[in-house]
Protein backbone atom coordinates (compact mmCIF):
# COMPACT_ATOMS: atom_id res chain seq x y z
CA MET A 1 8.09 12.12 15.82
CA LYS A 2 8.23 15.91 16.02
CA PRO A 3 11.93 17.43 16.22
CA ASN A 4 12.48 17.83 20.47
CA SER A 5 9.25 15.68 21.49
CA ARG A 6 8.75 12.25 23.46
CA PRO A 7 8.46 9.48 21.59
CA ARG A 8 5.18 8.22 21.79
CA ILE A 9 3.59 4.89 21.96
CA ALA A 10 0.06 3.16 21.46
CA VAL A 11 0.49 -0.02 23.43
CA ASP A 12 -1.94 -2.19 23.66
CA ALA A 13 -3.77 -2.90 26.89
CA MET A 14 -6.22 -5.68 26.19
CA GLY A 15 -3.47 -7.86 24.08
CA GLY A 16 -1.63 -10.73 25.33
CA ASP A 17 -2.64 -13.61 27.00
CA PHE A 18 -2.98 -11.67 30.81
CA GLY A 19 -4.23 -8.38 28.94
CA PRO A 20 -4.73 -5.33 31.34
CA ARG A 21 -3.73 -6.88 34.30
CA VAL A 22 0.43 -7.01 33.09
CA VAL A 23 0.44 -4.77 29.94
CA VAL A 24 -0.65 -1.59 32.39
CA GLN A 25 2.26 -2.78 34.82
CA GLY A 26 4.68 -3.05 32.61
CA ALA A 27 3.85 -0.19 30.85
CA VAL A 28 3.42 2.08 34.27
CA ALA A 29 6.64 0.61 34.34
CA ALA A 30 8.02 2.70 31.45
CA ALA A 31 6.59 5.07 31.79
CA LYS A 32 8.29 6.22 34.93
CA THR A 33 11.91 5.11 33.97
CA ARG A 34 11.57 6.57 30.74
CA ALA A 35 10.90 9.93 29.09
CA ILE A 36 8.44 8.00 26.91
CA ASP A 37 4.92 9.37 26.57
CA VAL A 38 2.68 6.21 26.83
CA ILE A 39 -0.93 5.86 25.22
CA LEU A 40 -2.96 2.84 26.78
CA VAL A 41 -5.56 1.22 24.36
CA GLY A 42 -8.46 -0.47 24.89
CA ASP A 43 -11.49 -0.43 27.40
CA LYS A 44 -11.06 2.39 29.50
CA PRO A 45 -12.43 1.23 32.43
CA ALA A 46 -10.60 -1.08 32.45
CA VAL A 47 -7.74 -0.07 32.26
CA GLU A 48 -7.86 3.24 34.48
CA ALA A 49 -8.83 0.33 36.89
CA GLU A 50 -5.99 -1.67 36.26
CA LEU A 51 -3.95 2.08 36.76
CA THR A 52 -5.37 3.04 40.25
CA ARG A 53 -3.60 0.14 41.59
CA TYR A 54 -0.08 1.73 41.17
CA ASP A 55 1.82 4.88 41.81
CA THR A 56 1.96 6.92 38.25
CA ARG A 57 3.44 10.28 39.56
CA GLY A 58 6.33 10.57 37.04
CA ALA A 59 4.61 9.18 34.16
CA THR A 60 2.84 10.89 31.15
CA ILE A 61 0.05 7.73 30.75
CA SER A 62 -3.34 8.78 28.87
CA VAL A 63 -6.02 5.80 28.56
CA VAL A 64 -7.87 6.11 24.53
CA HIS A 65 -10.55 3.68 24.81
CA ALA A 66 -11.79 0.47 22.27
CA SER A 67 -14.72 -0.94 22.07
CA GLU A 68 -13.56 -3.93 20.79
CA ILE A 69 -10.59 -6.36 21.65
CA ALA A 70 -9.06 -9.41 18.94
CA GLY A 71 -9.07 -12.53 20.21
CA MET A 72 -6.15 -14.57 21.03
CA GLU A 73 -7.63 -17.76 19.12
CA GLU A 74 -9.54 -15.49 16.08
CA LYS A 75 -8.71 -15.62 12.46
CA PRO A 76 -6.56 -12.63 11.68
CA SER A 77 -8.14 -11.88 8.40
CA GLU A 78 -11.90 -12.58 9.95
CA THR A 79 -10.42 -10.10 12.80
CA LEU A 80 -10.87 -7.42 10.91
CA ARG A 81 -13.46 -7.92 8.57
CA LYS A 82 -16.10 -8.01 11.67
CA LYS A 83 -14.21 -6.23 13.88
CA LYS A 84 -13.49 -1.99 13.40
CA ASP A 85 -12.78 -0.91 17.29
CA THR A 86 -10.88 -3.65 19.26
CA SER A 87 -7.59 -2.13 20.87
CA ILE A 88 -5.08 -2.81 18.07
CA GLN A 89 -7.14 -0.94 15.00
CA VAL A 90 -6.99 1.68 17.49
CA CYS A 91 -3.53 1.76 18.29
CA CYS A 92 -2.37 1.69 14.41
CA ASN A 93 -5.14 4.28 13.76
CA LEU A 94 -3.27 6.08 16.27
CA VAL A 95 -0.15 6.21 14.47
CA ARG A 96 -1.77 6.87 11.01
CA THR A 97 -2.55 9.90 12.45
CA ASP A 98 0.94 10.89 13.76
CA ASP A 99 -0.66 10.95 17.36
CA ALA A 100 1.79 8.27 17.80
CA ASP A 101 4.25 7.18 16.79
CA GLY A 102 5.06 3.37 18.09
CA VAL A 103 3.00 0.35 19.11
CA VAL A 104 3.47 -2.00 21.52
CA SER A 105 1.34 -5.36 21.40
CA ALA A 106 0.97 -8.77 23.05
CA GLY A 107 -1.65 -10.16 21.16
CA ASN A 108 -2.85 -11.83 17.95
CA SER A 109 0.37 -11.74 16.30
CA GLY A 110 -1.21 -12.39 13.15
CA THR A 111 -4.09 -9.44 13.35
CA THR A 112 -0.82 -7.11 14.67
CA MET A 113 1.03 -7.77 11.39
CA LEU A 114 -2.48 -7.14 9.10
CA ALA A 115 -3.50 -4.26 10.96
CA ALA A 116 0.18 -2.25 11.52
CA MET A 117 -0.55 -3.18 7.64
CA PHE A 118 -3.11 -1.92 6.66
CA GLY A 119 -3.20 0.82 9.46
CA ILE A 120 0.37 2.28 9.79
CA GLY A 121 1.31 1.91 5.85
CA ARG A 122 4.22 -0.39 4.43
CA LEU A 123 6.80 2.54 3.21
CA LYS A 124 7.43 2.69 -0.31
CA GLY A 125 9.27 -0.24 -2.12
CA VAL A 126 8.67 -2.58 0.73
CA ASP A 127 6.77 -5.98 -0.87
CA ARG A 128 6.77 -7.41 3.07
CA PRO A 129 7.32 -6.29 6.07
CA GLY A 130 10.64 -8.62 7.95
CA LEU A 131 10.29 -9.08 11.46
CA ALA A 132 13.22 -8.63 13.37
CA THR A 133 15.20 -9.68 17.18
CA PHE A 134 18.03 -9.54 18.57
CA MET A 135 19.52 -12.60 19.64
CA PRO A 136 22.27 -12.85 22.59
CA THR A 137 25.52 -14.51 21.37
CA GLU A 138 28.89 -14.74 22.97
CA ALA A 139 30.19 -11.44 21.50
CA ASP A 140 27.73 -8.84 20.74
CA PRO A 141 23.59 -9.38 19.67
CA VAL A 142 22.98 -10.49 16.22
CA VAL A 143 19.95 -9.05 14.27
CA LEU A 144 17.92 -12.11 13.21
CA ILE A 145 16.08 -11.58 10.35
CA ASP A 146 13.29 -12.67 9.53
CA VAL A 147 11.19 -14.99 13.26
CA GLY A 148 7.75 -15.43 11.90
CA ALA A 149 5.66 -13.26 9.87
CA ASN A 150 6.88 -14.33 5.91
CA VAL A 151 6.57 -18.58 6.11
CA ASP A 152 6.74 -18.51 1.96
CA CYS A 153 9.68 -15.90 0.43
CA LYS A 154 11.30 -15.52 -2.66
CA PRO A 155 14.52 -15.25 -2.60
CA TYR A 156 13.94 -11.34 -3.88
CA HIS A 157 12.38 -10.69 0.34
CA LEU A 158 15.64 -12.47 1.90
CA MET A 159 17.27 -9.29 0.20
CA GLN A 160 15.03 -7.32 1.13
CA PHE A 161 14.89 -8.48 4.90
CA ALA A 162 19.48 -8.21 4.90
CA VAL A 163 18.71 -4.21 3.40
CA MET A 164 16.26 -3.43 6.46
CA ALA A 165 18.20 -5.31 9.32
CA ASP A 166 21.54 -3.84 8.32
CA VAL A 167 19.73 -0.12 8.83
CA LEU A 168 18.50 -1.18 12.04
CA ALA A 169 22.08 -2.83 12.99
CA LYS A 170 23.55 0.41 12.05
CA ALA A 171 20.27 2.16 14.76
CA LEU A 172 20.26 0.55 16.87
CA LEU A 173 23.86 -1.89 17.78
CA SER A 174 26.42 1.00 16.08
CA ARG A 175 28.02 -1.84 13.39
CA PRO A 176 29.11 0.69 10.84
CA ASN A 177 29.28 -2.07 8.17
CA PRO A 178 27.29 -4.86 9.38
CA GLU A 179 28.57 -8.58 7.98
CA VAL A 180 25.46 -10.85 6.40
CA ALA A 181 25.20 -13.98 6.33
CA LEU A 182 22.29 -16.67 4.86
CA LEU A 183 20.95 -18.96 7.57
CA SER A 184 21.23 -22.05 5.31
CA ILE A 185 22.24 -26.36 6.26
CA GLY A 186 26.29 -25.85 6.04
CA GLU A 187 28.57 -23.03 5.11
CA GLU A 188 30.05 -24.43 1.76
CA GLU A 189 27.89 -21.92 -1.06
CA GLY A 190 25.61 -24.43 -2.44
CA LYS A 191 24.17 -25.38 -0.70
CA GLY A 192 20.43 -25.85 1.12
CA ASN A 193 17.16 -25.73 -1.06
CA MET A 194 16.62 -23.18 -3.86
CA GLN A 195 15.61 -19.84 -2.31
CA VAL A 196 18.46 -19.84 -0.38
CA LYS A 197 20.88 -21.00 -3.33
CA GLU A 198 19.41 -17.58 -5.22
CA ALA A 199 19.72 -15.78 -2.75
CA PHE A 200 23.60 -16.34 -1.96
CA GLU A 201 24.46 -14.91 -5.70
CA LEU A 202 21.46 -11.57 -4.58
CA PHE A 203 23.11 -11.11 -1.90
CA ARG A 204 27.78 -12.03 -2.78
CA ALA A 205 26.40 -9.80 -5.78
CA SER A 206 25.27 -6.63 -3.65
CA SER A 207 26.50 -4.01 -1.96
CA LEU A 208 26.06 -5.16 1.34
CA ASN A 209 29.04 -6.85 3.28
CA PHE A 210 27.93 -10.19 2.39
CA VAL A 211 29.92 -13.39 4.69
CA GLY A 212 28.59 -15.99 2.87
CA ASN A 213 26.18 -18.98 4.48
CA ILE A 214 26.04 -19.67 8.79
CA GLU A 215 24.57 -23.11 10.27
CA GLY A 216 22.23 -23.36 12.48
CA ARG A 217 25.06 -24.08 15.72
CA ASP A 218 26.78 -21.11 14.93
CA LEU A 219 23.31 -18.62 16.11
CA PHE A 220 24.46 -18.29 19.46
CA THR A 221 28.61 -17.48 18.59
CA GLY A 222 27.98 -13.89 17.24
CA ASP A 223 30.77 -14.24 14.64
CA VAL A 224 28.01 -12.34 11.69
CA ASP A 225 26.05 -9.27 12.59
CA ILE A 226 22.77 -9.91 11.17
CA ILE A 227 21.43 -13.47 10.63
CA VAL A 228 18.86 -14.79 7.20
CA CYS A 229 16.39 -16.36 6.47
CA ASP A 230 12.50 -16.97 6.04
CA GLY A 231 10.31 -16.32 8.31
CA PHE A 232 9.31 -20.33 8.80
CA VAL A 233 13.70 -20.50 9.62
CA GLY A 234 12.74 -17.58 11.83
CA ASN A 235 10.14 -18.78 13.94
CA VAL A 236 11.88 -22.25 14.55
CA ALA A 237 15.21 -20.88 15.52
CA LEU A 238 12.98 -18.23 17.77
CA LYS A 239 11.34 -21.08 19.75
CA LEU A 240 13.89 -23.18 19.96
CA ALA A 241 16.43 -20.61 21.53
CA GLU A 242 13.44 -19.55 24.08
CA GLY A 243 12.32 -23.30 25.24
CA MET A 244 16.30 -24.19 25.90
CA ALA A 245 16.81 -23.05 29.29
CA SER A 246 13.92 -23.40 30.26
CA SER A 247 14.82 -27.63 29.15
CA LEU A 248 18.37 -27.55 31.42
CA GLY A 249 16.83 -25.99 34.16
CA ARG A 250 14.72 -28.33 34.00
CA LEU A 251 17.26 -30.61 33.63
CA LEU A 252 19.68 -29.72 36.02
CA LYS A 253 17.39 -30.17 38.28
CA GLY A 254 16.58 -33.06 37.83
CA GLU A 255 20.12 -34.35 38.45
CA LEU A 256 19.53 -32.62 42.17
CA ARG A 257 17.31 -35.39 43.03
CA ARG A 258 20.24 -37.86 41.86
CA GLY A 259 22.75 -37.28 44.66
CA PHE A 260 25.14 -36.48 47.37
CA PHE A 261 28.30 -35.06 44.24
CA ALA A 262 25.34 -34.49 41.39
CA LYS A 263 24.21 -31.98 43.90
CA ILE A 264 27.66 -30.01 44.34
CA GLY A 265 28.38 -30.15 40.35
CA THR A 266 23.89 -28.69 40.12
CA THR A 267 24.45 -25.74 42.58
CA LEU A 268 27.96 -24.27 40.65
CA ALA A 269 25.97 -24.46 38.56
CA LEU A 270 22.43 -22.99 38.81
CA SER A 271 24.26 -19.28 38.84
CA ALA A 272 25.04 -19.27 35.51
CA LEU A 273 22.39 -21.10 34.37
CA LYS A 274 20.45 -17.64 35.15
CA ARG A 275 22.69 -15.39 33.62
CA PHE A 276 22.23 -17.85 30.90
CA SER A 277 18.55 -17.87 30.80
CA GLY A 278 18.47 -14.84 30.82
CA LEU A 279 20.07 -14.36 27.32
CA VAL A 280 17.92 -16.19 25.56
CA ASP A 281 14.46 -15.05 28.68
CA TYR A 282 12.69 -13.05 25.91
CA ALA A 283 11.52 -10.53 28.76
CA GLU A 284 14.69 -8.67 28.35
CA TYR A 285 14.26 -8.35 24.72
CA GLY A 286 10.26 -7.47 24.76
CA GLY A 287 10.09 -8.89 21.49
CA ALA A 288 10.18 -7.71 17.26
CA PRO A 289 10.20 -5.62 15.21
CA LEU A 290 8.11 -5.59 12.18
CA LEU A 291 10.67 -4.20 9.37
CA GLY A 292 9.37 -1.91 6.50
CA LEU A 293 5.86 0.13 8.25
CA ARG A 294 5.25 4.21 8.65
CA GLY A 295 5.56 3.95 11.81
CA ILE A 296 7.21 1.13 14.58
CA CYS A 297 5.80 -1.63 14.90
CA MET A 298 6.24 -4.02 17.98
CA ILE A 299 4.96 -7.93 18.23
CA CYS A 300 5.06 -8.84 22.00
CA HIS A 301 5.09 -13.29 22.43
CA GLY A 302 1.54 -13.86 23.64
CA ALA A 303 2.74 -14.90 27.39
CA SER A 304 4.48 -11.68 28.18
CA ASN A 305 4.60 -11.27 31.41
CA ALA A 306 5.24 -7.04 32.74
CA LYS A 307 8.80 -6.66 32.40
CA ALA A 308 8.47 -8.29 28.29
CA MET A 309 5.75 -5.66 28.17
CA THR A 310 8.52 -2.74 29.81
CA SER A 311 11.07 -3.89 27.17
CA ALA A 312 9.11 -4.63 24.44
CA ILE A 313 7.83 0.00 25.36
CA ASP A 314 11.29 0.39 25.93
CA MET A 315 12.86 -0.44 22.42
CA ALA A 316 9.31 1.10 20.00
CA ALA A 317 11.03 3.61 21.72
CA GLN A 318 14.54 3.47 21.63
CA LEU A 319 13.98 2.88 17.23
CA VAL A 320 11.84 6.45 17.69
CA ALA A 321 14.40 8.14 18.72
CA HIS A 322 16.67 6.53 16.02
CA ASP A 323 14.45 7.72 13.78
CA ALA A 324 14.62 4.07 12.65
CA VAL A 325 11.31 4.45 9.55
CA ASN A 326 12.72 7.46 8.49
CA ARG A 327 16.62 5.06 8.60
CA ILE A 328 15.64 2.12 7.21
CA GLU A 329 13.53 4.73 3.75
CA GLU A 330 16.58 6.03 3.12
CA GLY A 331 18.69 2.33 2.90
CA LEU A 332 15.85 1.16 1.12
CA ALA A 333 15.73 3.73 -1.56
CA LEU A 334 19.39 3.86 -2.11
CA ASN A 335 19.97 1.21 -2.22
CA LYS A 336 20.26 0.40 -5.92
CA ASP A 337 20.54 -3.02 -6.10
CA LEU A 338 16.88 -3.52 -5.08
CA GLU A 339 15.88 -1.75 -8.12
CA VAL A 340 18.43 -4.73 -10.70
CA ILE A 341 16.69 -7.43 -8.97
CA LYS A 342 13.57 -5.91 -9.21
CA LYS A 343 13.70 -5.05 -12.81
CA ARG A 344 14.79 -8.64 -13.98
CA PRO A 345 12.20 -11.44 -15.32
CA ALA A 346 10.50 -14.11 -12.86
């Protein structure tokens, strides 16, 4: 981003389960309430038709045409091989040519990640970009990484995720010395699979503020600032959090039908449940940043509503404003632990 300029966010208008109808609504809201230049990318006639439904006065919004769509059910590698002008590819190309600072998409997550890695490119020294998210807790939000980009990881990859998340927590959460933990099946040293056990030793010998293992039951306590795991475990944890409030809500509604006293108790709990639902609702956070790229990339839930899209665009703009890409690159370069690990024999 050029000095003193506004964040320029390219938004995949065709991505997600609902396409332009929801994406455009969320983008307009973001552009009207934040100092953001929004670039809507997709089928130009369809996107412009959606824009006519809203009052865009005071918003800086432009439209860039893309002739193809990356389908939600399509295989990512085949999509990128057969199609060259999808909306997500055009978004990433805008970042590569410095016509945008970041990308937001609710489209196929696998396609988005591949398009970003090839279109935007990885930072020097990054083997695998990591997908991070901010999880609500009893105290302050915690960074959970990786939540789906890499289902099979080596201990070294977990170390790299931690270094990138360390920079993110310092930049956006104002944590001067973030406490880092590994997600495992027990707090004690020696608990977990081989991946976690080996990562534990790397973390302990590193310059990170490593505090040991954390169990799944402690995800929401807020006792640490960063929780590290592979993408398989992280994605399960994230989806569990998303579904928990919904299930609790349905259970309580069922109790309303059971009797007078149950109705009283449930009614009293509904306001608290509503607040809790807001905490774990992905729409509050919008999406997850893919860390380790030469630009910002926010990956959103396929079923994102307009509020979620607004939140994702806002977070992308915050990351740009905090110069997150350069700070992560500097953090990786300054962290000597990674270079030492790389030189070790496999």
